[in-house]
mmCIF file of all heavy atoms, coordinates in Angstrom:
data_MODEL
# 
_entry.id   MODEL 
# 
loop_
_atom_site.group_PDB 
_atom_site.id 
_atom_site.type_symbol 
_atom_site.label_atom_id 
_atom_site.label_alt_id 
_atom_site.label_comp_id 
_atom_site.label_asym_id 
_atom_site.label_entity_id 
_atom_site.label_seq_id 
_atom_site.pdbx_PDB_ins_code 
_atom_site.Cartn_x 
_atom_site.Cartn_y 
_atom_site.Cartn_z 
_atom_site.occupancy 
_atom_site.B_iso_or_equiv 
_atom_site.pdbx_formal_charge 
_atom_site.auth_seq_id 
_atom_site.auth_comp_id 
_atom_site.auth_asym_id 
_atom_site.auth_atom_id 
_atom_site.pdbx_PDB_model_num 
ATOM 1   N N   . GLU A 1 1  ? -145.580 -26.861 -21.361 1.00 0.00 ? 1  GLU A N   1 
ATOM 2   C CA  . GLU A 1 1  ? -145.050 -27.176 -20.031 1.00 0.00 ? 1  GLU A CA  1 
ATOM 3   C C   . GLU A 1 1  ? -143.557 -27.484 -20.115 1.00 0.00 ? 1  GLU A C   1 
ATOM 4   O O   . GLU A 1 1  ? -142.778 -27.098 -19.230 1.00 0.00 ? 1  GLU A O   1 
ATOM 5   C CB  . GLU A 1 1  ? -145.802 -28.356 -19.429 1.00 0.00 ? 1  GLU A CB  1 
ATOM 6   C CG  . GLU A 1 1  ? -147.231 -28.036 -19.032 1.00 0.00 ? 1  GLU A CG  1 
ATOM 7   C CD  . GLU A 1 1  ? -148.018 -29.256 -18.606 1.00 0.00 ? 1  GLU A CD  1 
ATOM 8   O OE1 . GLU A 1 1  ? -147.640 -30.391 -18.976 1.00 0.00 ? 1  GLU A OE1 1 
ATOM 9   O OE2 . GLU A 1 1  ? -149.027 -29.082 -17.898 1.00 0.00 ? 1  GLU A OE2 1 
ATOM 10  N N   . GLY A 1 2  ? -143.159 -28.187 -21.173 1.00 0.00 ? 2  GLY A N   1 
ATOM 11  C CA  . GLY A 1 2  ? -141.740 -28.478 -21.358 1.00 0.00 ? 2  GLY A CA  1 
ATOM 12  C C   . GLY A 1 2  ? -140.927 -27.211 -21.516 1.00 0.00 ? 2  GLY A C   1 
ATOM 13  O O   . GLY A 1 2  ? -139.822 -27.091 -20.977 1.00 0.00 ? 2  GLY A O   1 
ATOM 14  N N   . THR A 1 3  ? -141.491 -26.252 -22.235 1.00 0.00 ? 3  THR A N   1 
ATOM 15  C CA  . THR A 1 3  ? -140.815 -24.965 -22.421 1.00 0.00 ? 3  THR A CA  1 
ATOM 16  C C   . THR A 1 3  ? -140.747 -24.193 -21.118 1.00 0.00 ? 3  THR A C   1 
ATOM 17  O O   . THR A 1 3  ? -139.721 -23.580 -20.788 1.00 0.00 ? 3  THR A O   1 
ATOM 18  C CB  . THR A 1 3  ? -141.541 -24.134 -23.488 1.00 0.00 ? 3  THR A CB  1 
ATOM 19  O OG1 . THR A 1 3  ? -141.495 -24.835 -24.736 1.00 0.00 ? 3  THR A OG1 1 
ATOM 20  C CG2 . THR A 1 3  ? -140.879 -22.778 -23.672 1.00 0.00 ? 3  THR A CG2 1 
ATOM 21  N N   . MET A 1 4  ? -141.837 -24.231 -20.326 1.00 0.00 ? 4  MET A N   1 
ATOM 22  C CA  . MET A 1 4  ? -141.836 -23.541 -19.029 1.00 0.00 ? 4  MET A CA  1 
ATOM 23  C C   . MET A 1 4  ? -140.769 -24.112 -18.112 1.00 0.00 ? 4  MET A C   1 
ATOM 24  O O   . MET A 1 4  ? -140.096 -23.371 -17.388 1.00 0.00 ? 4  MET A O   1 
ATOM 25  C CB  . MET A 1 4  ? -143.218 -23.630 -18.384 1.00 0.00 ? 4  MET A CB  1 
ATOM 26  C CG  . MET A 1 4  ? -144.253 -22.709 -19.016 1.00 0.00 ? 4  MET A CG  1 
ATOM 27  S SD  . MET A 1 4  ? -145.794 -22.613 -18.076 1.00 0.00 ? 4  MET A SD  1 
ATOM 28  C CE  . MET A 1 4  ? -146.490 -24.230 -18.406 1.00 0.00 ? 4  MET A CE  1 
ATOM 29  N N   . LEU A 1 5  ? -140.600 -25.436 -18.128 1.00 0.00 ? 5  LEU A N   1 
ATOM 30  C CA  . LEU A 1 5  ? -139.567 -26.050 -17.288 1.00 0.00 ? 5  LEU A CA  1 
ATOM 31  C C   . LEU A 1 5  ? -138.183 -25.591 -17.731 1.00 0.00 ? 5  LEU A C   1 
ATOM 32  O O   . LEU A 1 5  ? -137.324 -25.289 -16.906 1.00 0.00 ? 5  LEU A O   1 
ATOM 33  C CB  . LEU A 1 5  ? -139.661 -27.568 -17.345 1.00 0.00 ? 5  LEU A CB  1 
ATOM 34  C CG  . LEU A 1 5  ? -138.623 -28.336 -16.526 1.00 0.00 ? 5  LEU A CG  1 
ATOM 35  C CD1 . LEU A 1 5  ? -138.753 -28.015 -15.041 1.00 0.00 ? 5  LEU A CD1 1 
ATOM 36  C CD2 . LEU A 1 5  ? -138.755 -29.835 -16.755 1.00 0.00 ? 5  LEU A CD2 1 
ATOM 37  N N   . ALA A 1 6  ? -137.968 -25.531 -19.038 1.00 0.00 ? 6  ALA A N   1 
ATOM 38  C CA  . ALA A 1 6  ? -136.682 -25.075 -19.561 1.00 0.00 ? 6  ALA A CA  1 
ATOM 39  C C   . ALA A 1 6  ? -136.424 -23.630 -19.158 1.00 0.00 ? 6  ALA A C   1 
ATOM 40  O O   . ALA A 1 6  ? -135.318 -23.276 -18.732 1.00 0.00 ? 6  ALA A O   1 
ATOM 41  C CB  . ALA A 1 6  ? -136.651 -25.228 -21.082 1.00 0.00 ? 6  ALA A CB  1 
ATOM 42  N N   . VAL A 1 7  ? -137.438 -22.797 -19.269 1.00 0.00 ? 7  VAL A N   1 
ATOM 43  C CA  . VAL A 1 7  ? -137.304 -21.384 -18.898 1.00 0.00 ? 7  VAL A CA  1 
ATOM 44  C C   . VAL A 1 7  ? -137.026 -21.250 -17.404 1.00 0.00 ? 7  VAL A C   1 
ATOM 45  O O   . VAL A 1 7  ? -136.215 -20.417 -16.980 1.00 0.00 ? 7  VAL A O   1 
ATOM 46  C CB  . VAL A 1 7  ? -138.573 -20.603 -19.290 1.00 0.00 ? 7  VAL A CB  1 
ATOM 47  C CG1 . VAL A 1 7  ? -138.545 -19.194 -18.700 1.00 0.00 ? 7  VAL A CG1 1 
ATOM 48  C CG2 . VAL A 1 7  ? -138.711 -20.533 -20.809 1.00 0.00 ? 7  VAL A CG2 1 
ATOM 49  N N   . LEU A 1 8  ? -137.679 -22.087 -16.595 1.00 0.00 ? 8  LEU A N   1 
ATOM 50  C CA  . LEU A 1 8  ? -137.478 -22.046 -15.141 1.00 0.00 ? 8  LEU A CA  1 
ATOM 51  C C   . LEU A 1 8  ? -136.022 -22.288 -14.777 1.00 0.00 ? 8  LEU A C   1 
ATOM 52  O O   . LEU A 1 8  ? -135.508 -21.707 -13.824 1.00 0.00 ? 8  LEU A O   1 
ATOM 53  C CB  . LEU A 1 8  ? -138.367 -23.096 -14.458 1.00 0.00 ? 8  LEU A CB  1 
ATOM 54  C CG  . LEU A 1 8  ? -138.240 -23.227 -12.936 1.00 0.00 ? 8  LEU A CG  1 
ATOM 55  C CD1 . LEU A 1 8  ? -138.695 -21.939 -12.248 1.00 0.00 ? 8  LEU A CD1 1 
ATOM 56  C CD2 . LEU A 1 8  ? -139.064 -24.404 -12.427 1.00 0.00 ? 8  LEU A CD2 1 
ATOM 57  N N   . SER A 1 9  ? -135.343 -23.117 -15.542 1.00 0.00 ? 9  SER A N   1 
ATOM 58  C CA  . SER A 1 9  ? -133.931 -23.398 -15.245 1.00 0.00 ? 9  SER A CA  1 
ATOM 59  C C   . SER A 1 9  ? -133.063 -22.156 -15.449 1.00 0.00 ? 9  SER A C   1 
ATOM 60  O O   . SER A 1 9  ? -132.010 -22.015 -14.832 1.00 0.00 ? 9  SER A O   1 
ATOM 61  C CB  . SER A 1 9  ? -133.413 -24.534 -16.137 1.00 0.00 ? 9  SER A CB  1 
ATOM 62  O OG  . SER A 1 9  ? -133.187 -24.075 -17.467 1.00 0.00 ? 9  SER A OG  1 
ATOM 63  N N   . GLY A 1 10 ? -133.497 -21.269 -16.346 1.00 0.00 ? 10 GLY A N   1 
ATOM 64  C CA  . GLY A 1 10 ? -132.752 -20.045 -16.601 1.00 0.00 ? 10 GLY A CA  1 
ATOM 65  C C   . GLY A 1 10 ? -131.446 -20.249 -17.338 1.00 0.00 ? 10 GLY A C   1 
ATOM 66  O O   . GLY A 1 10 ? -130.575 -19.374 -17.334 1.00 0.00 ? 10 GLY A O   1 
ATOM 67  N N   . LYS A 1 11 ? -131.297 -21.416 -17.996 1.00 0.00 ? 11 LYS A N   1 
ATOM 68  C CA  . LYS A 1 11 ? -130.045 -21.742 -18.680 1.00 0.00 ? 11 LYS A CA  1 
ATOM 69  C C   . LYS A 1 11 ? -130.247 -21.879 -20.184 1.00 0.00 ? 11 LYS A C   1 
ATOM 70  O O   . LYS A 1 11 ? -131.205 -22.511 -20.638 1.00 0.00 ? 11 LYS A O   1 
ATOM 71  C CB  . LYS A 1 11 ? -129.462 -23.040 -18.122 1.00 0.00 ? 11 LYS A CB  1 
ATOM 72  C CG  . LYS A 1 11 ? -129.114 -22.980 -16.638 1.00 0.00 ? 11 LYS A CG  1 
ATOM 73  C CD  . LYS A 1 11 ? -127.988 -21.997 -16.377 1.00 0.00 ? 11 LYS A CD  1 
ATOM 74  C CE  . LYS A 1 11 ? -127.575 -22.007 -14.920 1.00 0.00 ? 11 LYS A CE  1 
ATOM 75  N NZ  . LYS A 1 11 ? -126.430 -21.091 -14.651 1.00 0.00 ? 11 LYS A NZ  1 
ATOM 76  N N   . GLU A 1 12 ? -129.331 -21.322 -20.967 1.00 0.00 ? 12 GLU A N   1 
ATOM 77  C CA  . GLU A 1 12 ? -129.466 -21.359 -22.422 1.00 0.00 ? 12 GLU A CA  1 
ATOM 78  C C   . GLU A 1 12 ? -129.296 -22.761 -22.994 1.00 0.00 ? 12 GLU A C   1 
ATOM 79  O O   . GLU A 1 12 ? -129.778 -23.045 -24.091 1.00 0.00 ? 12 GLU A O   1 
ATOM 80  C CB  . GLU A 1 12 ? -128.453 -20.410 -23.064 1.00 0.00 ? 12 GLU A CB  1 
ATOM 81  C CG  . GLU A 1 12 ? -128.754 -18.936 -22.807 1.00 0.00 ? 12 GLU A CG  1 
ATOM 82  C CD  . GLU A 1 12 ? -127.838 -18.011 -23.578 1.00 0.00 ? 12 GLU A CD  1 
ATOM 83  O OE1 . GLU A 1 12 ? -126.986 -18.525 -24.347 1.00 0.00 ? 12 GLU A OE1 1 
ATOM 84  O OE2 . GLU A 1 12 ? -127.953 -16.789 -23.413 1.00 0.00 ? 12 GLU A OE2 1 
ATOM 85  N N   . ASN A 1 13 ? -128.617 -23.637 -22.279 1.00 0.00 ? 13 ASN A N   1 
ATOM 86  C CA  . ASN A 1 13 ? -128.413 -24.998 -22.798 1.00 0.00 ? 13 ASN A CA  1 
ATOM 87  C C   . ASN A 1 13 ? -129.502 -25.971 -22.337 1.00 0.00 ? 13 ASN A C   1 
ATOM 88  O O   . ASN A 1 13 ? -129.363 -27.172 -22.482 1.00 0.00 ? 13 ASN A O   1 
ATOM 89  C CB  . ASN A 1 13 ? -127.028 -25.528 -22.448 1.00 0.00 ? 13 ASN A CB  1 
ATOM 90  C CG  . ASN A 1 13 ? -126.784 -25.610 -20.941 1.00 0.00 ? 13 ASN A CG  1 
ATOM 91  O OD1 . ASN A 1 13 ? -127.630 -25.239 -20.134 1.00 0.00 ? 13 ASN A OD1 1 
ATOM 92  N ND2 . ASN A 1 13 ? -125.607 -26.112 -20.564 1.00 0.00 ? 13 ASN A ND2 1 
ATOM 93  N N   . ILE A 1 14 ? -130.599 -25.441 -21.797 1.00 0.00 ? 14 ILE A N   1 
ATOM 94  C CA  . ILE A 1 14 ? -131.784 -26.233 -21.470 1.00 0.00 ? 14 ILE A CA  1 
ATOM 95  C C   . ILE A 1 14 ? -132.925 -25.726 -22.346 1.00 0.00 ? 14 ILE A C   1 
ATOM 96  O O   . ILE A 1 14 ? -133.310 -24.556 -22.258 1.00 0.00 ? 14 ILE A O   1 
ATOM 97  C CB  . ILE A 1 14 ? -132.183 -26.114 -19.990 1.00 0.00 ? 14 ILE A CB  1 
ATOM 98  C CG1 . ILE A 1 14 ? -130.990 -26.391 -19.077 1.00 0.00 ? 14 ILE A CG1 1 
ATOM 99  C CG2 . ILE A 1 14 ? -133.343 -27.047 -19.681 1.00 0.00 ? 14 ILE A CG2 1 
ATOM 100 C CD1 . ILE A 1 14 ? -130.473 -27.802 -19.114 1.00 0.00 ? 14 ILE A CD1 1 
ATOM 101 N N   . SER A 1 15 ? -133.450 -26.582 -23.187 1.00 0.00 ? 15 SER A N   1 
ATOM 102 C CA  . SER A 1 15 ? -134.499 -26.172 -24.112 1.00 0.00 ? 15 SER A CA  1 
ATOM 103 C C   . SER A 1 15 ? -135.608 -27.221 -24.109 1.00 0.00 ? 15 SER A C   1 
ATOM 104 O O   . SER A 1 15 ? -135.781 -27.942 -23.121 1.00 0.00 ? 15 SER A O   1 
ATOM 105 C CB  . SER A 1 15 ? -133.912 -25.967 -25.517 1.00 0.00 ? 15 SER A CB  1 
ATOM 106 O OG  . SER A 1 15 ? -134.835 -25.313 -26.355 1.00 0.00 ? 15 SER A OG  1 
ATOM 107 N N   . CYS A 1 16 ? -136.356 -27.335 -25.215 1.00 0.00 ? 16 CYS A N   1 
ATOM 108 C CA  . CYS A 1 16 ? -137.503 -28.239 -25.257 1.00 0.00 ? 16 CYS A CA  1 
ATOM 109 C C   . CYS A 1 16 ? -137.517 -29.057 -26.544 1.00 0.00 ? 16 CYS A C   1 
ATOM 110 O O   . CYS A 1 16 ? -136.902 -28.675 -27.544 1.00 0.00 ? 16 CYS A O   1 
ATOM 111 C CB  . CYS A 1 16 ? -138.805 -27.451 -25.112 1.00 0.00 ? 16 CYS A CB  1 
ATOM 112 S SG  . CYS A 1 16 ? -140.296 -28.474 -24.903 1.00 0.00 ? 16 CYS A SG  1 
ATOM 113 N N   . LEU A 1 17 ? -138.199 -30.172 -26.499 1.00 0.00 ? 17 LEU A N   1 
ATOM 114 C CA  . LEU A 1 17 ? -138.351 -31.095 -27.618 1.00 0.00 ? 17 LEU A CA  1 
ATOM 115 C C   . LEU A 1 17 ? -139.830 -31.273 -27.947 1.00 0.00 ? 17 LEU A C   1 
ATOM 116 O O   . LEU A 1 17 ? -140.679 -31.245 -27.058 1.00 0.00 ? 17 LEU A O   1 
ATOM 117 C CB  . LEU A 1 17 ? -137.734 -32.445 -27.248 1.00 0.00 ? 17 LEU A CB  1 
ATOM 118 C CG  . LEU A 1 17 ? -137.910 -33.642 -28.195 1.00 0.00 ? 17 LEU A CG  1 
ATOM 119 C CD1 . LEU A 1 17 ? -136.696 -34.566 -28.081 1.00 0.00 ? 17 LEU A CD1 1 
ATOM 120 C CD2 . LEU A 1 17 ? -139.160 -34.457 -27.873 1.00 0.00 ? 17 LEU A CD2 1 
ATOM 121 N N   . ALA A 1 18 ? -140.127 -31.481 -29.225 1.00 0.00 ? 18 ALA A N   1 
ATOM 122 C CA  . ALA A 1 18 ? -141.483 -31.822 -29.657 1.00 0.00 ? 18 ALA A CA  1 
ATOM 123 C C   . ALA A 1 18 ? -141.470 -33.253 -30.195 1.00 0.00 ? 18 ALA A C   1 
ATOM 124 O O   . ALA A 1 18 ? -140.579 -33.616 -30.963 1.00 0.00 ? 18 ALA A O   1 
ATOM 125 C CB  . ALA A 1 18 ? -141.966 -30.864 -30.751 1.00 0.00 ? 18 ALA A CB  1 
ATOM 126 N N   . ASP A 1 19 ? -142.437 -34.056 -29.776 1.00 0.00 ? 19 ASP A N   1 
ATOM 127 C CA  . ASP A 1 19 ? -142.576 -35.435 -30.252 1.00 0.00 ? 19 ASP A CA  1 
ATOM 128 C C   . ASP A 1 19 ? -144.016 -35.608 -30.703 1.00 0.00 ? 19 ASP A C   1 
ATOM 129 O O   . ASP A 1 19 ? -144.944 -35.496 -29.902 1.00 0.00 ? 19 ASP A O   1 
ATOM 130 C CB  . ASP A 1 19 ? -142.242 -36.403 -29.117 1.00 0.00 ? 19 ASP A CB  1 
ATOM 131 C CG  . ASP A 1 19 ? -142.286 -37.862 -29.542 1.00 0.00 ? 19 ASP A CG  1 
ATOM 132 O OD1 . ASP A 1 19 ? -143.272 -38.249 -30.205 1.00 0.00 ? 19 ASP A OD1 1 
ATOM 133 O OD2 . ASP A 1 19 ? -141.365 -38.622 -29.193 1.00 0.00 ? 19 ASP A OD2 1 
ATOM 134 N N   . ILE A 1 20 ? -144.218 -35.883 -31.989 1.00 0.00 ? 20 ILE A N   1 
ATOM 135 C CA  . ILE A 1 20 ? -145.572 -35.907 -32.539 1.00 0.00 ? 20 ILE A CA  1 
ATOM 136 C C   . ILE A 1 20 ? -146.456 -36.949 -31.863 1.00 0.00 ? 20 ILE A C   1 
ATOM 137 O O   . ILE A 1 20 ? -147.668 -36.738 -31.708 1.00 0.00 ? 20 ILE A O   1 
ATOM 138 C CB  . ILE A 1 20 ? -145.535 -36.131 -34.081 1.00 0.00 ? 20 ILE A CB  1 
ATOM 139 C CG1 . ILE A 1 20 ? -146.892 -35.843 -34.710 1.00 0.00 ? 20 ILE A CG1 1 
ATOM 140 C CG2 . ILE A 1 20 ? -145.038 -37.518 -34.423 1.00 0.00 ? 20 ILE A CG2 1 
ATOM 141 C CD1 . ILE A 1 20 ? -147.373 -34.425 -34.531 1.00 0.00 ? 20 ILE A CD1 1 
ATOM 142 N N   . TYR A 1 21 ? -145.887 -38.047 -31.423 1.00 0.00 ? 21 TYR A N   1 
ATOM 143 C CA  . TYR A 1 21 ? -146.672 -39.087 -30.751 1.00 0.00 ? 21 TYR A CA  1 
ATOM 144 C C   . TYR A 1 21 ? -147.260 -38.556 -29.440 1.00 0.00 ? 21 TYR A C   1 
ATOM 145 O O   . TYR A 1 21 ? -148.455 -38.703 -29.169 1.00 0.00 ? 21 TYR A O   1 
ATOM 146 C CB  . TYR A 1 21 ? -145.784 -40.301 -30.482 1.00 0.00 ? 21 TYR A CB  1 
ATOM 147 C CG  . TYR A 1 21 ? -146.440 -41.365 -29.637 1.00 0.00 ? 21 TYR A CG  1 
ATOM 148 C CD1 . TYR A 1 21 ? -147.411 -42.211 -30.173 1.00 0.00 ? 21 TYR A CD1 1 
ATOM 149 C CD2 . TYR A 1 21 ? -146.090 -41.536 -28.293 1.00 0.00 ? 21 TYR A CD2 1 
ATOM 150 C CE1 . TYR A 1 21 ? -148.015 -43.194 -29.381 1.00 0.00 ? 21 TYR A CE1 1 
ATOM 151 C CE2 . TYR A 1 21 ? -146.679 -42.507 -27.507 1.00 0.00 ? 21 TYR A CE2 1 
ATOM 152 C CZ  . TYR A 1 21 ? -147.645 -43.342 -28.059 1.00 0.00 ? 21 TYR A CZ  1 
ATOM 153 O OH  . TYR A 1 21 ? -148.251 -44.296 -27.276 1.00 0.00 ? 21 TYR A OH  1 
ATOM 154 N N   . HIS A 1 22 ? -146.428 -37.932 -28.631 1.00 0.00 ? 22 HIS A N   1 
ATOM 155 C CA  . HIS A 1 22 ? -146.901 -37.392 -27.370 1.00 0.00 ? 22 HIS A CA  1 
ATOM 156 C C   . HIS A 1 22 ? -147.780 -36.161 -27.584 1.00 0.00 ? 22 HIS A C   1 
ATOM 157 O O   . HIS A 1 22 ? -148.749 -35.942 -26.837 1.00 0.00 ? 22 HIS A O   1 
ATOM 158 C CB  . HIS A 1 22 ? -145.719 -37.057 -26.464 1.00 0.00 ? 22 HIS A CB  1 
ATOM 159 C CG  . HIS A 1 22 ? -144.916 -38.250 -26.071 1.00 0.00 ? 22 HIS A CG  1 
ATOM 160 N ND1 . HIS A 1 22 ? -145.416 -39.243 -25.257 1.00 0.00 ? 22 HIS A ND1 1 
ATOM 161 C CD2 . HIS A 1 22 ? -143.645 -38.627 -26.385 1.00 0.00 ? 22 HIS A CD2 1 
ATOM 162 C CE1 . HIS A 1 22 ? -144.496 -40.172 -25.081 1.00 0.00 ? 22 HIS A CE1 1 
ATOM 163 N NE2 . HIS A 1 22 ? -143.414 -39.824 -25.763 1.00 0.00 ? 22 HIS A NE2 1 
ATOM 164 N N   . MET A 1 23 ? -147.461 -35.364 -28.595 1.00 0.00 ? 23 MET A N   1 
ATOM 165 C CA  . MET A 1 23 ? -148.276 -34.181 -28.891 1.00 0.00 ? 23 MET A CA  1 
ATOM 166 C C   . MET A 1 23 ? -149.718 -34.564 -29.181 1.00 0.00 ? 23 MET A C   1 
ATOM 167 O O   . MET A 1 23 ? -150.663 -33.972 -28.639 1.00 0.00 ? 23 MET A O   1 
ATOM 168 C CB  . MET A 1 23 ? -147.689 -33.436 -30.089 1.00 0.00 ? 23 MET A CB  1 
ATOM 169 C CG  . MET A 1 23 ? -146.441 -32.631 -29.787 1.00 0.00 ? 23 MET A CG  1 
ATOM 170 S SD  . MET A 1 23 ? -145.760 -31.875 -31.302 1.00 0.00 ? 23 MET A SD  1 
ATOM 171 C CE  . MET A 1 23 ? -147.166 -30.903 -31.865 1.00 0.00 ? 23 MET A CE  1 
ATOM 172 N N   . ILE A 1 24 ? -149.898 -35.558 -30.018 1.00 0.00 ? 24 ILE A N   1 
ATOM 173 C CA  . ILE A 1 24 ? -151.249 -35.982 -30.381 1.00 0.00 ? 24 ILE A CA  1 
ATOM 174 C C   . ILE A 1 24 ? -151.984 -36.522 -29.155 1.00 0.00 ? 24 ILE A C   1 
ATOM 175 O O   . ILE A 1 24 ? -153.169 -36.261 -28.950 1.00 0.00 ? 24 ILE A O   1 
ATOM 176 C CB  . ILE A 1 24 ? -151.198 -37.030 -31.512 1.00 0.00 ? 24 ILE A CB  1 
ATOM 177 C CG1 . ILE A 1 24 ? -150.808 -36.349 -32.820 1.00 0.00 ? 24 ILE A CG1 1 
ATOM 178 C CG2 . ILE A 1 24 ? -152.528 -37.764 -31.655 1.00 0.00 ? 24 ILE A CG2 1 
ATOM 179 C CD1 . ILE A 1 24 ? -150.643 -37.284 -33.982 1.00 0.00 ? 24 ILE A CD1 1 
ATOM 180 N N   . GLY A 1 25 ? -151.281 -37.251 -28.319 1.00 0.00 ? 25 GLY A N   1 
ATOM 181 C CA  . GLY A 1 25 ? -151.896 -37.811 -27.128 1.00 0.00 ? 25 GLY A CA  1 
ATOM 182 C C   . GLY A 1 25 ? -152.350 -36.763 -26.130 1.00 0.00 ? 25 GLY A C   1 
ATOM 183 O O   . GLY A 1 25 ? -153.304 -36.985 -25.373 1.00 0.00 ? 25 GLY A O   1 
ATOM 184 N N   . GLU A 1 26 ? -151.689 -35.597 -26.132 1.00 0.00 ? 26 GLU A N   1 
ATOM 185 C CA  . GLU A 1 26 ? -152.022 -34.560 -25.157 1.00 0.00 ? 26 GLU A CA  1 
ATOM 186 C C   . GLU A 1 26 ? -152.691 -33.335 -25.769 1.00 0.00 ? 26 GLU A C   1 
ATOM 187 O O   . GLU A 1 26 ? -152.944 -32.349 -25.081 1.00 0.00 ? 26 GLU A O   1 
ATOM 188 C CB  . GLU A 1 26 ? -150.754 -34.127 -24.406 1.00 0.00 ? 26 GLU A CB  1 
ATOM 189 C CG  . GLU A 1 26 ? -150.178 -35.219 -23.522 1.00 0.00 ? 26 GLU A CG  1 
ATOM 190 C CD  . GLU A 1 26 ? -151.173 -35.720 -22.483 1.00 0.00 ? 26 GLU A CD  1 
ATOM 191 O OE1 . GLU A 1 26 ? -151.851 -34.887 -21.863 1.00 0.00 ? 26 GLU A OE1 1 
ATOM 192 O OE2 . GLU A 1 26 ? -151.277 -36.959 -22.310 1.00 0.00 ? 26 GLU A OE2 1 
ATOM 193 N N   . GLY A 1 27 ? -152.981 -33.382 -27.064 1.00 0.00 ? 27 GLY A N   1 
ATOM 194 C CA  . GLY A 1 27 ? -153.721 -32.294 -27.703 1.00 0.00 ? 27 GLY A CA  1 
ATOM 195 C C   . GLY A 1 27 ? -152.879 -31.119 -28.162 1.00 0.00 ? 27 GLY A C   1 
ATOM 196 O O   . GLY A 1 27 ? -153.422 -30.065 -28.517 1.00 0.00 ? 27 GLY A O   1 
ATOM 197 N N   . ASP A 1 28 ? -151.546 -31.249 -28.172 1.00 0.00 ? 28 ASP A N   1 
ATOM 198 C CA  . ASP A 1 28 ? -150.703 -30.196 -28.732 1.00 0.00 ? 28 ASP A CA  1 
ATOM 199 C C   . ASP A 1 28 ? -150.941 -30.104 -30.239 1.00 0.00 ? 28 ASP A C   1 
ATOM 200 O O   . ASP A 1 28 ? -151.159 -31.117 -30.911 1.00 0.00 ? 28 ASP A O   1 
ATOM 201 C CB  . ASP A 1 28 ? -149.219 -30.500 -28.492 1.00 0.00 ? 28 ASP A CB  1 
ATOM 202 C CG  . ASP A 1 28 ? -148.780 -30.210 -27.071 1.00 0.00 ? 28 ASP A CG  1 
ATOM 203 O OD1 . ASP A 1 28 ? -149.349 -29.295 -26.451 1.00 0.00 ? 28 ASP A OD1 1 
ATOM 204 O OD2 . ASP A 1 28 ? -147.866 -30.905 -26.582 1.00 0.00 ? 28 ASP A OD2 1 
ATOM 205 N N   . THR A 1 29 ? -150.876 -28.912 -30.777 1.00 0.00 ? 29 THR A N   1 
ATOM 206 C CA  . THR A 1 29 ? -151.112 -28.688 -32.200 1.00 0.00 ? 29 THR A CA  1 
ATOM 207 C C   . THR A 1 29 ? -149.871 -28.122 -32.882 1.00 0.00 ? 29 THR A C   1 
ATOM 208 O O   . THR A 1 29 ? -148.916 -27.690 -32.220 1.00 0.00 ? 29 THR A O   1 
ATOM 209 C CB  . THR A 1 29 ? -152.276 -27.708 -32.411 1.00 0.00 ? 29 THR A CB  1 
ATOM 210 O OG1 . THR A 1 29 ? -151.861 -26.401 -31.953 1.00 0.00 ? 29 THR A OG1 1 
ATOM 211 C CG2 . THR A 1 29 ? -153.518 -28.158 -31.643 1.00 0.00 ? 29 THR A CG2 1 
ATOM 212 N N   . LEU A 1 30 ? -149.918 -28.075 -34.198 1.00 0.00 ? 30 LEU A N   1 
ATOM 213 C CA  . LEU A 1 30 ? -148.812 -27.486 -34.940 1.00 0.00 ? 30 LEU A CA  1 
ATOM 214 C C   . LEU A 1 30 ? -148.733 -25.984 -34.697 1.00 0.00 ? 30 LEU A C   1 
ATOM 215 O O   . LEU A 1 30 ? -147.654 -25.392 -34.774 1.00 0.00 ? 30 LEU A O   1 
ATOM 216 C CB  . LEU A 1 30 ? -148.958 -27.783 -36.437 1.00 0.00 ? 30 LEU A CB  1 
ATOM 217 C CG  . LEU A 1 30 ? -148.929 -29.268 -36.826 1.00 0.00 ? 30 LEU A CG  1 
ATOM 218 C CD1 . LEU A 1 30 ? -148.926 -29.422 -38.338 1.00 0.00 ? 30 LEU A CD1 1 
ATOM 219 C CD2 . LEU A 1 30 ? -147.707 -29.977 -36.225 1.00 0.00 ? 30 LEU A CD2 1 
# 
């Protein structure tokens, strides 16, 4: 979802971050 938001902006200086604490809480995997 973070990546989709960055892509929606259409700007190269908007990207995404990964945080292992939040990833584990929401089921994101490596």
